[in-house]
Protein backbone atom coordinates (compact mmCIF):
# COMPACT_ATOMS: atom_id res chain seq x y z
CA MET A 1 150.82 -11.27 25.93
CA SER A 2 152.98 -14.01 24.50
CA ALA A 3 153.11 -17.75 25.01
CA LEU A 4 156.16 -19.72 26.07
CA ASN A 5 156.73 -23.45 25.80
CA LEU A 6 158.70 -24.65 28.79
CA ARG A 7 160.19 -28.07 29.42
CA LEU A 8 160.35 -29.03 33.08
CA PRO A 9 161.44 -32.18 34.85
CA ASN A 10 158.41 -34.13 36.09
CA SER A 11 159.41 -33.55 39.72
CA VAL A 12 159.50 -29.76 39.27
CA HIS A 13 156.18 -29.78 37.46
CA ARG A 14 154.66 -31.86 40.27
CA HIS A 15 155.91 -29.37 42.89
CA ILE A 16 154.56 -26.42 40.91
CA ARG A 17 151.19 -28.15 40.49
CA ASP A 18 150.97 -29.01 44.20
CA ILE A 19 152.06 -25.61 45.48
CA SER A 20 149.88 -23.63 43.08
CA SER A 21 146.92 -25.77 44.13
CA GLN A 22 147.67 -25.12 47.82
CA GLU A 23 147.96 -21.38 47.08
CA GLY A 24 144.69 -21.41 45.13
CA VAL A 25 146.23 -20.08 41.91
CA SER A 26 146.73 -21.53 38.45
CA ILE A 27 150.06 -22.99 37.42
CA ASN A 28 150.38 -20.09 34.99
CA GLN A 29 149.83 -17.52 37.75
CA PHE A 30 152.31 -19.31 40.02
CA ILE A 31 155.04 -19.37 37.37
CA LEU A 32 154.35 -15.73 36.44
CA ALA A 33 154.73 -14.69 40.09
CA ALA A 34 157.92 -16.73 40.53
CA VAL A 35 159.53 -15.31 37.38
CA SER A 36 158.46 -11.76 38.33
CA GLU A 37 160.03 -12.15 41.78
CA LYS A 38 163.29 -13.37 40.23
CA ILE A 39 163.36 -10.47 37.76
CA SER A 40 162.74 -8.03 40.59
CA ALA A 41 165.54 -9.54 42.69
CA ILE A 42 168.05 -9.33 39.82
CA MET A 43 167.05 -5.78 38.92
CA THR A 44 167.30 -4.72 42.56
CA GLU A 45 170.76 -6.25 42.87
CA ASP A 46 171.87 -4.46 39.69
CA TYR A 47 170.47 -1.15 40.99
CA ILE A 48 172.22 -1.49 44.35
CA THR A 49 175.49 -2.44 42.65
CA GLU A 50 175.32 0.67 40.45
CA ARG A 51 174.50 2.87 43.45
CA ALA A 52 177.39 1.37 45.42
CA LYS A 53 179.82 2.26 42.62
CA LYS A 54 178.91 5.93 43.15
CA ALA A 55 179.36 5.80 46.92
CA LYS A 56 182.19 7.59 48.68
CA SER A 57 183.81 5.42 51.34
CA GLY A 58 184.71 8.46 53.45
CA ALA A 59 181.06 9.54 53.57
CA PHE A 60 180.04 6.11 54.84
CA LYS A 61 182.64 6.29 57.64
CA ARG A 62 181.48 9.80 58.63
CA ILE A 63 177.90 8.54 58.92
CA LEU A 64 178.96 5.57 61.04
CA ASP A 65 181.02 7.86 63.27
CA ARG A 66 177.83 9.76 64.16
CA VAL A 67 176.13 6.63 65.52
CA PRO A 68 176.28 6.65 69.33
CA HIS A 69 178.32 3.88 70.94
CA ARG A 70 176.04 1.50 72.82
CA PRO A 71 176.57 -2.05 74.01
CA PRO A 72 175.03 -4.65 71.69
CA LEU A 73 171.62 -6.09 72.46
CA PRO A 74 171.67 -9.53 74.08
CA GLY A 75 172.41 -12.11 71.39
CA ASP A 76 174.06 -9.57 69.07
CA GLU A 77 177.46 -9.73 70.72
CA ILE A 78 180.48 -10.63 68.61
CA GLU A 79 181.98 -13.85 69.86
CA PRO A 80 185.77 -14.15 69.80
C-alpha cells in the first residue's frame, strides 16, 4: 500500500471529517471508498462506450420491434 499527500480546501476536509464520522468510518476509509466509486464509474462508462461501438443499429431496432405495443403506465406518458 502506498501513501498519498493530498491538499484539500478546509471546507472539503470539514465535510469529509463530518460525513466519515456520521458513517462511523475513518477519513482514510471514506476517501478510499469515494475514490474507488469514482474509478468504478469511469471504468464502467469506458466499458459501455467500447461495447456500444461494436453494436449494430439494425439489431437494436429488431429487438425493439419485438416489444409488444402497450399504453404507457400512468405518469410515463410523453407530453406534447
